[in-house]
Amino acid sequence: MNKNLKKTTKRRGFALIEFTLVGVPLIFLTISIIEASIAMWQYHSMMYANEIVARYAAMHGKGCTQNGNTCTITVGTLAQMIAAQAPSLDTSKLVVTLYTNSGNTPCNPITSCYSSTTQFPGNADNTVGNDVKFVASYPINNPMPLLWPGAGHTGGSVFTLGSTTRQRIVF
C-alpha cells in the first residue's frame, strides 16, 4: 500500500505544468485568431462600403443634372451611406476623402461630413468619363503585443487599414 501512495505523490503538480505548457499558448492562439478575424471583418466592411458608395456616386453623375432630373447627391448623403454600409466600424475613427478631377473633400472623421450639402461630384467634374475616387483609412488597435514578454504596458499596437476605390461616371 505504501508503494501506491508513493507513486501518486510523485505525480503531484504535473497538471499545472501541463496546463502551463499547453494551455497558455492555446489561449494566446485563440485570442490571436479572434483579433485577426475582427480586423479582417473591419477591413472587408470598409472596402465594401467604399466600393458601394463610389458606384452610387458614379451612377448619379451628369444625367442627374439634365432635363429636370433631381437625383444629384451630396457629400453628406455619401458620408451617411458609408457609415451605414460599414456597421463594424467606429465612425468617429473612419477617415474618408472623396476625390474628383478638380480636388478633394476630406471627411476626418466621416461624421464631420454628415451635414454637408455640397454636391458631389461638382458641376465641373460631373461629366461622363470622369472618375470619382474614394480613399478610406481606419485605425485598428491590436492588444496582442501587451501579452508579449517585454512589451510593457503601452496599450497595444495601432495599425491603419486602407482602401481606395475608383469608379467612372457612366450616366
N, C-alpha and C. Protein backbone atom coordinates (compact mmCIF):
# COMPACT_ATOMS: atom_id res chain seq x y z
N MET A 1 0.81 -1.19 0.00
CA MET A 1 0.00 0.00 0.00
C MET A 1 0.85 1.26 0.00
N ASN A 2 1.96 1.21 0.64
CA ASN A 2 2.85 2.36 0.64
C ASN A 2 3.42 2.66 -0.74
N LYS A 3 3.59 1.60 -1.56
CA LYS A 3 4.11 1.81 -2.92
C LYS A 3 3.13 2.64 -3.76
N ASN A 4 1.83 2.35 -3.68
CA ASN A 4 0.82 3.10 -4.44
C ASN A 4 0.73 4.55 -3.97
N LEU A 5 0.83 4.77 -2.69
CA LEU A 5 0.80 6.13 -2.14
C LEU A 5 2.02 6.91 -2.60
N LYS A 6 3.13 6.24 -2.64
CA LYS A 6 4.37 6.89 -3.06
C LYS A 6 4.32 7.30 -4.54
N LYS A 7 3.71 6.46 -5.40
CA LYS A 7 3.61 6.78 -6.83
C LYS A 7 2.73 8.00 -7.08
N THR A 8 1.64 8.14 -6.36
CA THR A 8 0.75 9.28 -6.58
C THR A 8 1.35 10.59 -6.06
N THR A 9 2.12 10.53 -5.03
CA THR A 9 2.71 11.77 -4.53
C THR A 9 3.81 12.27 -5.45
N LYS A 10 4.44 11.40 -6.22
CA LYS A 10 5.48 11.83 -7.15
C LYS A 10 4.88 12.57 -8.35
N ARG A 11 3.62 12.31 -8.67
CA ARG A 11 2.99 12.90 -9.86
C ARG A 11 2.23 14.18 -9.53
N ARG A 12 2.24 14.62 -8.31
CA ARG A 12 1.53 15.85 -7.95
C ARG A 12 2.15 17.05 -8.66
N GLY A 13 1.29 17.96 -9.15
CA GLY A 13 1.77 19.18 -9.80
C GLY A 13 1.94 19.07 -11.29
N PHE A 14 1.83 17.88 -11.87
CA PHE A 14 2.00 17.73 -13.31
C PHE A 14 0.87 18.39 -14.09
N ALA A 15 -0.33 18.40 -13.57
CA ALA A 15 -1.46 19.03 -14.26
C ALA A 15 -1.20 20.52 -14.44
N LEU A 16 -0.66 21.17 -13.43
CA LEU A 16 -0.36 22.59 -13.53
C LEU A 16 0.73 22.86 -14.56
N ILE A 17 1.74 22.03 -14.57
CA ILE A 17 2.83 22.20 -15.53
C ILE A 17 2.33 21.93 -16.95
N GLU A 18 1.53 20.89 -17.12
CA GLU A 18 0.99 20.58 -18.45
C GLU A 18 0.07 21.69 -18.95
N PHE A 19 -0.75 22.24 -18.07
CA PHE A 19 -1.61 23.35 -18.48
C PHE A 19 -0.77 24.56 -18.88
N THR A 20 0.26 24.83 -18.13
CA THR A 20 1.13 25.96 -18.45
C THR A 20 1.78 25.78 -19.82
N LEU A 21 2.23 24.56 -20.10
CA LEU A 21 2.92 24.31 -21.36
C LEU A 21 1.97 24.26 -22.56
N VAL A 22 0.73 23.84 -22.34
CA VAL A 22 -0.22 23.70 -23.45
C VAL A 22 -1.30 24.78 -23.42
N GLY A 23 -1.82 25.07 -22.26
CA GLY A 23 -2.96 25.98 -22.14
C GLY A 23 -2.64 27.42 -22.46
N VAL A 24 -1.54 27.92 -21.97
CA VAL A 24 -1.20 29.33 -22.21
C VAL A 24 -0.98 29.61 -23.70
N PRO A 25 -0.20 28.81 -24.43
CA PRO A 25 -0.10 29.06 -25.88
C PRO A 25 -1.43 28.89 -26.61
N LEU A 26 -2.26 27.96 -26.14
CA LEU A 26 -3.56 27.76 -26.77
C LEU A 26 -4.46 28.98 -26.57
N ILE A 27 -4.45 29.56 -25.39
CA ILE A 27 -5.22 30.78 -25.12
C ILE A 27 -4.69 31.93 -25.99
N PHE A 28 -3.38 32.07 -26.08
CA PHE A 28 -2.75 33.10 -26.90
C PHE A 28 -3.17 32.93 -28.36
N LEU A 29 -3.15 31.70 -28.87
CA LEU A 29 -3.52 31.42 -30.25
C LEU A 29 -5.00 31.73 -30.49
N THR A 30 -5.86 31.39 -29.55
CA THR A 30 -7.29 31.65 -29.68
C THR A 30 -7.57 33.15 -29.74
N ILE A 31 -6.96 33.90 -28.84
CA ILE A 31 -7.14 35.35 -28.84
C ILE A 31 -6.60 35.96 -30.14
N SER A 32 -5.48 35.46 -30.63
CA SER A 32 -4.91 35.95 -31.88
C SER A 32 -5.85 35.71 -33.06
N ILE A 33 -6.44 34.55 -33.12
CA ILE A 33 -7.37 34.23 -34.21
C ILE A 33 -8.60 35.14 -34.14
N ILE A 34 -9.12 35.35 -32.94
CA ILE A 34 -10.29 36.23 -32.79
C ILE A 34 -9.96 37.66 -33.21
N GLU A 35 -8.83 38.18 -32.76
CA GLU A 35 -8.43 39.56 -33.12
C GLU A 35 -8.19 39.69 -34.62
N ALA A 36 -7.55 38.70 -35.24
CA ALA A 36 -7.32 38.76 -36.69
C ALA A 36 -8.65 38.69 -37.45
N SER A 37 -9.58 37.91 -36.96
CA SER A 37 -10.89 37.81 -37.60
C SER A 37 -11.65 39.13 -37.52
N ILE A 38 -11.60 39.78 -36.38
CA ILE A 38 -12.27 41.08 -36.24
C ILE A 38 -11.63 42.11 -37.17
N ALA A 39 -10.30 42.12 -37.25
CA ALA A 39 -9.61 43.07 -38.14
C ALA A 39 -9.98 42.81 -39.60
N MET A 40 -10.08 41.55 -40.00
CA MET A 40 -10.46 41.23 -41.38
C MET A 40 -11.89 41.66 -41.67
N TRP A 41 -12.78 41.49 -40.68
CA TRP A 41 -14.17 41.92 -40.85
C TRP A 41 -14.24 43.43 -41.01
N GLN A 42 -13.47 44.16 -40.21
CA GLN A 42 -13.45 45.62 -40.32
C GLN A 42 -12.89 46.06 -41.67
N TYR A 43 -11.83 45.40 -42.12
CA TYR A 43 -11.24 45.74 -43.42
C TYR A 43 -12.24 45.47 -44.55
N HIS A 44 -12.90 44.33 -44.49
CA HIS A 44 -13.88 43.99 -45.53
C HIS A 44 -15.04 44.99 -45.51
N SER A 45 -15.52 45.35 -44.33
CA SER A 45 -16.62 46.31 -44.22
C SER A 45 -16.23 47.65 -44.82
N MET A 46 -15.01 48.11 -44.53
CA MET A 46 -14.56 49.39 -45.05
C MET A 46 -14.45 49.34 -46.57
N MET A 47 -13.86 48.27 -47.11
CA MET A 47 -13.73 48.15 -48.56
C MET A 47 -15.09 48.07 -49.24
N TYR A 48 -15.98 47.29 -48.67
CA TYR A 48 -17.32 47.13 -49.25
C TYR A 48 -18.07 48.46 -49.27
N ALA A 49 -18.05 49.17 -48.14
CA ALA A 49 -18.74 50.46 -48.07
C ALA A 49 -18.15 51.45 -49.08
N ASN A 50 -16.85 51.47 -49.17
CA ASN A 50 -16.16 52.37 -50.09
C ASN A 50 -16.58 52.06 -51.54
N GLU A 51 -16.60 50.80 -51.88
CA GLU A 51 -16.93 50.41 -53.25
C GLU A 51 -18.39 50.69 -53.60
N ILE A 52 -19.29 50.35 -52.69
CA ILE A 52 -20.73 50.56 -52.94
C ILE A 52 -21.05 52.04 -53.11
N VAL A 53 -20.48 52.87 -52.26
CA VAL A 53 -20.78 54.30 -52.31
C VAL A 53 -20.13 54.95 -53.53
N ALA A 54 -18.95 54.50 -53.93
CA ALA A 54 -18.32 55.03 -55.14
C ALA A 54 -19.17 54.68 -56.37
N ARG A 55 -19.68 53.48 -56.42
CA ARG A 55 -20.57 53.10 -57.53
C ARG A 55 -21.83 53.97 -57.53
N TYR A 56 -22.38 54.18 -56.35
CA TYR A 56 -23.58 55.02 -56.22
C TYR A 56 -23.30 56.43 -56.74
N ALA A 57 -22.15 56.98 -56.37
CA ALA A 57 -21.79 58.33 -56.83
C ALA A 57 -21.59 58.37 -58.34
N ALA A 58 -20.97 57.34 -58.89
CA ALA A 58 -20.74 57.30 -60.34
C ALA A 58 -22.04 57.16 -61.12
N MET A 59 -23.01 56.47 -60.55
CA MET A 59 -24.29 56.28 -61.24
C MET A 59 -25.20 57.50 -61.13
N HIS A 60 -24.86 58.45 -60.28
CA HIS A 60 -25.65 59.67 -60.13
C HIS A 60 -24.84 60.87 -60.66
N GLY A 61 -24.34 60.72 -61.87
CA GLY A 61 -23.49 61.74 -62.46
C GLY A 61 -24.26 62.74 -63.29
N LYS A 62 -23.75 63.03 -64.47
CA LYS A 62 -24.25 64.09 -65.35
C LYS A 62 -25.74 63.96 -65.66
N GLY A 63 -26.22 62.74 -65.85
CA GLY A 63 -27.63 62.53 -66.19
C GLY A 63 -28.58 63.01 -65.10
N CYS A 64 -28.09 63.12 -63.89
CA CYS A 64 -28.95 63.56 -62.78
C CYS A 64 -29.09 65.07 -62.71
N THR A 65 -28.38 65.79 -63.56
CA THR A 65 -28.48 67.25 -63.55
C THR A 65 -29.17 67.78 -64.80
N GLN A 66 -29.53 66.91 -65.74
CA GLN A 66 -30.11 67.35 -67.01
C GLN A 66 -31.60 67.02 -67.10
N ASN A 67 -32.28 67.75 -67.95
CA ASN A 67 -33.68 67.51 -68.30
C ASN A 67 -34.60 67.49 -67.08
N GLY A 68 -34.31 68.31 -66.11
CA GLY A 68 -35.19 68.41 -64.94
C GLY A 68 -35.01 67.32 -63.91
N ASN A 69 -34.02 66.46 -64.08
CA ASN A 69 -33.78 65.41 -63.09
C ASN A 69 -33.24 66.02 -61.80
N THR A 70 -33.66 65.46 -60.68
CA THR A 70 -33.20 65.98 -59.38
C THR A 70 -32.61 64.84 -58.54
N CYS A 71 -31.81 64.02 -59.15
CA CYS A 71 -31.23 62.90 -58.41
C CYS A 71 -29.76 63.15 -58.05
N THR A 72 -29.36 64.41 -58.03
CA THR A 72 -27.97 64.69 -57.63
C THR A 72 -27.79 64.33 -56.15
N ILE A 73 -26.55 64.07 -55.78
CA ILE A 73 -26.25 63.64 -54.42
C ILE A 73 -25.29 64.62 -53.76
N THR A 74 -25.24 64.56 -52.45
CA THR A 74 -24.38 65.46 -51.69
C THR A 74 -23.31 64.66 -50.94
N VAL A 75 -22.31 65.38 -50.48
CA VAL A 75 -21.24 64.76 -49.69
C VAL A 75 -21.84 64.17 -48.41
N GLY A 76 -22.80 64.86 -47.82
CA GLY A 76 -23.44 64.37 -46.60
C GLY A 76 -24.16 63.05 -46.82
N THR A 77 -24.84 62.93 -47.94
CA THR A 77 -25.53 61.68 -48.27
C THR A 77 -24.54 60.53 -48.41
N LEU A 78 -23.44 60.80 -49.11
CA LEU A 78 -22.41 59.77 -49.29
C LEU A 78 -21.76 59.37 -47.97
N ALA A 79 -21.49 60.35 -47.11
CA ALA A 79 -20.89 60.06 -45.81
C ALA A 79 -21.80 59.17 -44.97
N GLN A 80 -23.08 59.48 -44.97
CA GLN A 80 -24.02 58.67 -44.20
C GLN A 80 -24.17 57.27 -44.79
N MET A 81 -24.09 57.16 -46.11
CA MET A 81 -24.16 55.85 -46.75
C MET A 81 -22.95 54.99 -46.38
N ILE A 82 -21.77 55.60 -46.37
CA ILE A 82 -20.57 54.85 -46.00
C ILE A 82 -20.70 54.31 -44.58
N ALA A 83 -21.15 55.15 -43.67
CA ALA A 83 -21.32 54.72 -42.28
C ALA A 83 -22.36 53.61 -42.17
N ALA A 84 -23.42 53.69 -42.95
CA ALA A 84 -24.47 52.68 -42.88
C ALA A 84 -24.02 51.35 -43.48
N GLN A 85 -23.14 51.40 -44.48
CA GLN A 85 -22.67 50.17 -45.13
C GLN A 85 -21.56 49.47 -44.36
N ALA A 86 -20.99 50.13 -43.34
CA ALA A 86 -19.87 49.55 -42.58
C ALA A 86 -20.22 49.50 -41.09
N PRO A 87 -21.09 48.58 -40.70
CA PRO A 87 -21.53 48.55 -39.30
C PRO A 87 -20.44 48.15 -38.31
N SER A 88 -19.39 47.51 -38.77
CA SER A 88 -18.35 47.06 -37.84
C SER A 88 -17.35 48.17 -37.49
N LEU A 89 -17.47 49.33 -38.12
CA LEU A 89 -16.51 50.40 -37.91
C LEU A 89 -17.04 51.47 -36.97
N ASP A 90 -16.15 52.02 -36.17
CA ASP A 90 -16.47 53.17 -35.32
C ASP A 90 -16.34 54.41 -36.20
N THR A 91 -17.45 55.08 -36.47
CA THR A 91 -17.44 56.21 -37.40
C THR A 91 -16.62 57.39 -36.90
N SER A 92 -16.33 57.45 -35.61
CA SER A 92 -15.50 58.55 -35.11
C SER A 92 -14.02 58.34 -35.44
N LYS A 93 -13.66 57.16 -35.96
CA LYS A 93 -12.27 56.88 -36.34
C LYS A 93 -12.09 56.75 -37.85
N LEU A 94 -13.18 56.57 -38.57
CA LEU A 94 -13.12 56.36 -40.01
C LEU A 94 -12.85 57.68 -40.74
N VAL A 95 -11.83 57.69 -41.58
CA VAL A 95 -11.46 58.88 -42.36
C VAL A 95 -11.66 58.54 -43.84
N VAL A 96 -12.43 59.37 -44.54
CA VAL A 96 -12.68 59.16 -45.96
C VAL A 96 -12.41 60.47 -46.69
N THR A 97 -11.75 60.34 -47.84
CA THR A 97 -11.52 61.51 -48.70
C THR A 97 -12.14 61.20 -50.05
N LEU A 98 -12.99 62.12 -50.54
CA LEU A 98 -13.65 61.99 -51.83
C LEU A 98 -12.88 62.81 -52.85
N TYR A 99 -12.45 62.18 -53.93
CA TYR A 99 -11.64 62.86 -54.95
C TYR A 99 -12.41 62.97 -56.26
N THR A 100 -12.20 64.12 -56.94
CA THR A 100 -12.63 64.31 -58.32
C THR A 100 -11.44 64.89 -59.07
N ASN A 101 -11.61 65.20 -60.35
CA ASN A 101 -10.50 65.75 -61.14
C ASN A 101 -10.02 67.10 -60.62
N SER A 102 -10.91 67.88 -60.04
CA SER A 102 -10.53 69.24 -59.64
C SER A 102 -10.17 69.38 -58.17
N GLY A 103 -10.28 68.33 -57.38
CA GLY A 103 -9.91 68.46 -55.98
C GLY A 103 -10.45 67.33 -55.13
N ASN A 104 -10.37 67.56 -53.82
CA ASN A 104 -10.84 66.52 -52.91
C ASN A 104 -11.65 67.13 -51.79
N THR A 105 -12.42 66.26 -51.13
CA THR A 105 -13.22 66.64 -49.98
C THR A 105 -12.88 65.68 -48.85
N PRO A 106 -12.09 66.15 -47.87
CA PRO A 106 -11.75 65.25 -46.76
C PRO A 106 -12.86 65.21 -45.71
N CYS A 107 -13.12 64.04 -45.20
CA CYS A 107 -14.07 63.84 -44.10
C CYS A 107 -13.30 63.14 -42.98
N ASN A 108 -12.78 63.95 -42.07
CA ASN A 108 -11.92 63.42 -41.00
C ASN A 108 -12.48 63.83 -39.65
N PRO A 109 -13.26 63.02 -39.00
CA PRO A 109 -13.78 61.70 -39.35
C PRO A 109 -15.00 61.82 -40.26
N ILE A 110 -15.53 60.70 -40.65
CA ILE A 110 -16.65 60.69 -41.59
C ILE A 110 -17.87 61.42 -41.04
N THR A 111 -18.02 61.43 -39.72
CA THR A 111 -19.17 62.11 -39.11
C THR A 111 -19.15 63.61 -39.34
N SER A 112 -17.98 64.18 -39.63
CA SER A 112 -17.89 65.62 -39.86
C SER A 112 -18.55 66.05 -41.18
N CYS A 113 -18.82 65.11 -42.06
CA CYS A 113 -19.43 65.43 -43.35
C CYS A 113 -20.91 65.11 -43.42
N TYR A 114 -21.50 64.60 -42.34
CA TYR A 114 -22.91 64.22 -42.36
C TYR A 114 -23.83 65.37 -42.77
N SER A 115 -23.52 66.58 -42.37
CA SER A 115 -24.41 67.70 -42.65
C SER A 115 -24.01 68.50 -43.89
N SER A 116 -23.02 68.04 -44.62
CA SER A 116 -22.56 68.76 -45.82
C SER A 116 -23.60 68.68 -46.93
N THR A 117 -23.91 69.83 -47.52
CA THR A 117 -24.87 69.88 -48.63
C THR A 117 -24.16 70.14 -49.96
N THR A 118 -22.86 70.00 -49.99
CA THR A 118 -22.09 70.19 -51.21
C THR A 118 -22.39 69.07 -52.19
N GLN A 119 -22.69 69.44 -53.44
CA GLN A 119 -22.98 68.43 -54.46
C GLN A 119 -21.71 67.65 -54.77
N PHE A 120 -21.86 66.34 -54.95
CA PHE A 120 -20.72 65.51 -55.34
C PHE A 120 -21.14 64.58 -56.46
N PRO A 121 -20.39 64.51 -57.53
CA PRO A 121 -19.29 65.40 -57.89
C PRO A 121 -19.82 66.77 -58.31
N GLY A 122 -18.94 67.75 -58.17
CA GLY A 122 -19.33 69.12 -58.52
C GLY A 122 -19.62 69.27 -60.00
N ASN A 123 -20.21 70.39 -60.38
CA ASN A 123 -20.61 70.60 -61.78
C ASN A 123 -19.44 70.50 -62.75
N ALA A 124 -18.26 70.97 -62.35
CA ALA A 124 -17.11 70.94 -63.25
C ALA A 124 -16.64 69.52 -63.53
N ASP A 125 -16.79 68.62 -62.59
CA ASP A 125 -16.30 67.25 -62.72
C ASP A 125 -17.40 66.25 -63.05
N ASN A 126 -18.62 66.71 -63.14
CA ASN A 126 -19.76 65.82 -63.30
C ASN A 126 -20.04 65.57 -64.78
N THR A 127 -19.09 64.93 -65.47
CA THR A 127 -19.27 64.59 -66.87
C THR A 127 -18.96 63.12 -67.08
N VAL A 128 -19.60 62.55 -68.08
CA VAL A 128 -19.40 61.14 -68.40
C VAL A 128 -17.93 60.92 -68.77
N GLY A 129 -17.34 59.90 -68.20
CA GLY A 129 -15.93 59.58 -68.47
C GLY A 129 -14.99 60.03 -67.37
N ASN A 130 -15.41 60.97 -66.53
CA ASN A 130 -14.57 61.38 -65.41
C ASN A 130 -14.66 60.34 -64.29
N ASP A 131 -13.64 60.33 -63.46
CA ASP A 131 -13.60 59.38 -62.35
C ASP A 131 -13.93 60.05 -61.03
N VAL A 132 -14.52 59.27 -60.14
CA VAL A 132 -14.63 59.65 -58.73
C VAL A 132 -13.80 58.62 -57.98
N LYS A 133 -13.12 59.08 -56.95
CA LYS A 133 -12.23 58.20 -56.20
C LYS A 133 -12.50 58.40 -54.72
N PHE A 134 -12.59 57.31 -53.99
CA PHE A 134 -12.81 57.34 -52.56
C PHE A 134 -11.64 56.64 -51.88
N VAL A 135 -11.02 57.32 -50.93
CA VAL A 135 -9.91 56.75 -50.17
C VAL A 135 -10.32 56.75 -48.70
N ALA A 136 -10.27 55.58 -48.08
CA ALA A 136 -10.67 55.45 -46.67
C ALA A 136 -9.52 54.87 -45.86
N SER A 137 -9.46 55.27 -44.60
CA SER A 137 -8.48 54.67 -43.68
C SER A 137 -9.14 54.51 -42.32
N TYR A 138 -8.72 53.45 -41.62
CA TYR A 138 -9.32 53.14 -40.33
C TYR A 138 -8.25 52.53 -39.43
N PRO A 139 -8.01 53.12 -38.25
CA PRO A 139 -7.01 52.55 -37.35
C PRO A 139 -7.59 51.41 -36.53
N ILE A 140 -6.82 50.33 -36.40
CA ILE A 140 -7.23 49.25 -35.51
C ILE A 140 -6.16 49.09 -34.44
N ASN A 141 -6.60 48.75 -33.26
CA ASN A 141 -5.70 48.58 -32.13
C ASN A 141 -5.55 47.09 -31.86
N ASN A 142 -4.34 46.59 -31.92
CA ASN A 142 -4.07 45.18 -31.68
C ASN A 142 -3.55 45.01 -30.26
N PRO A 143 -4.31 44.36 -29.37
CA PRO A 143 -3.88 44.22 -27.98
C PRO A 143 -2.88 43.10 -27.76
N MET A 144 -2.57 42.31 -28.77
CA MET A 144 -1.69 41.16 -28.59
C MET A 144 -0.28 41.51 -28.11
N PRO A 145 0.33 42.62 -28.52
CA PRO A 145 1.66 42.92 -28.01
C PRO A 145 1.70 43.11 -26.49
N LEU A 146 0.56 43.40 -25.88
CA LEU A 146 0.53 43.51 -24.42
C LEU A 146 0.88 42.18 -23.76
N LEU A 147 0.54 41.08 -24.42
CA LEU A 147 0.79 39.76 -23.86
C LEU A 147 2.19 39.25 -24.15
N TRP A 148 2.90 39.96 -25.01
CA TRP A 148 4.24 39.51 -25.38
C TRP A 148 5.24 39.89 -24.29
N PRO A 149 6.11 38.99 -23.90
CA PRO A 149 7.08 39.31 -22.84
C PRO A 149 7.98 40.48 -23.22
N GLY A 150 8.12 41.42 -22.31
CA GLY A 150 8.99 42.57 -22.54
C GLY A 150 8.35 43.70 -23.30
N ALA A 151 7.08 43.58 -23.69
CA ALA A 151 6.42 44.63 -24.48
C ALA A 151 6.01 45.81 -23.62
N GLY A 152 5.88 45.62 -22.34
CA GLY A 152 5.45 46.73 -21.48
C GLY A 152 3.96 46.92 -21.56
N HIS A 153 3.51 48.01 -21.02
CA HIS A 153 2.07 48.30 -20.97
C HIS A 153 1.80 49.55 -21.79
N THR A 154 1.96 49.46 -23.12
CA THR A 154 1.79 50.61 -24.00
C THR A 154 0.40 50.71 -24.58
N GLY A 155 -0.45 49.73 -24.34
CA GLY A 155 -1.81 49.79 -24.87
C GLY A 155 -1.96 49.11 -26.21
N GLY A 156 -0.97 48.37 -26.64
CA GLY A 156 -1.06 47.64 -27.90
C GLY A 156 -0.48 48.44 -29.05
N SER A 157 -0.58 47.86 -30.23
CA SER A 157 -0.06 48.49 -31.44
C SER A 157 -1.22 48.96 -32.30
N VAL A 158 -1.06 50.11 -32.93
CA VAL A 158 -2.10 50.64 -33.81
C VAL A 158 -1.65 50.43 -35.25
N PHE A 159 -2.54 49.83 -36.03
CA PHE A 159 -2.31 49.62 -37.46
C PHE A 159 -3.40 50.36 -38.21
N THR A 160 -3.08 50.83 -39.39
CA THR A 160 -4.07 51.56 -40.19
C THR A 160 -4.44 50.73 -41.40
N LEU A 161 -5.73 50.46 -41.54
CA LEU A 161 -6.25 49.78 -42.71
C LEU A 161 -6.59 50.83 -43.75
N GLY A 162 -6.33 50.53 -45.02
CA GLY A 162 -6.61 51.48 -46.08
C GLY A 162 -7.38 50.86 -47.23
N SER A 163 -8.16 51.68 -47.90
CA SER A 163 -8.95 51.22 -49.03
C SER A 163 -9.09 52.35 -50.05
N THR A 164 -8.92 52.03 -51.32
CA THR A 164 -9.09 53.01 -52.40
C THR A 164 -9.99 52.42 -53.46
N THR A 165 -10.96 53.20 -53.90
CA THR A 165 -11.88 52.76 -54.95
C THR A 165 -12.03 53.89 -55.96
N ARG A 166 -11.97 53.53 -57.23
CA ARG A 166 -12.16 54.50 -58.31
C ARG A 166 -13.25 53.98 -59.23
N GLN A 167 -14.21 54.86 -59.55
CA GLN A 167 -15.30 54.50 -60.44
C GLN A 167 -15.45 55.59 -61.50
N ARG A 168 -15.83 55.21 -62.68
CA ARG A 168 -16.03 56.14 -63.79
C ARG A 168 -17.49 56.53 -63.88
N ILE A 169 -17.76 57.81 -64.06
CA ILE A 169 -19.14 58.30 -64.23
C ILE A 169 -19.64 57.83 -65.60
N VAL A 170 -20.74 57.11 -65.59
CA VAL A 170 -21.22 56.49 -66.83
C VAL A 170 -22.52 57.10 -67.35
N PHE A 171 -23.26 57.83 -66.53
CA PHE A 171 -24.52 58.42 -66.98
C PHE A 171 -24.53 59.90 -66.74
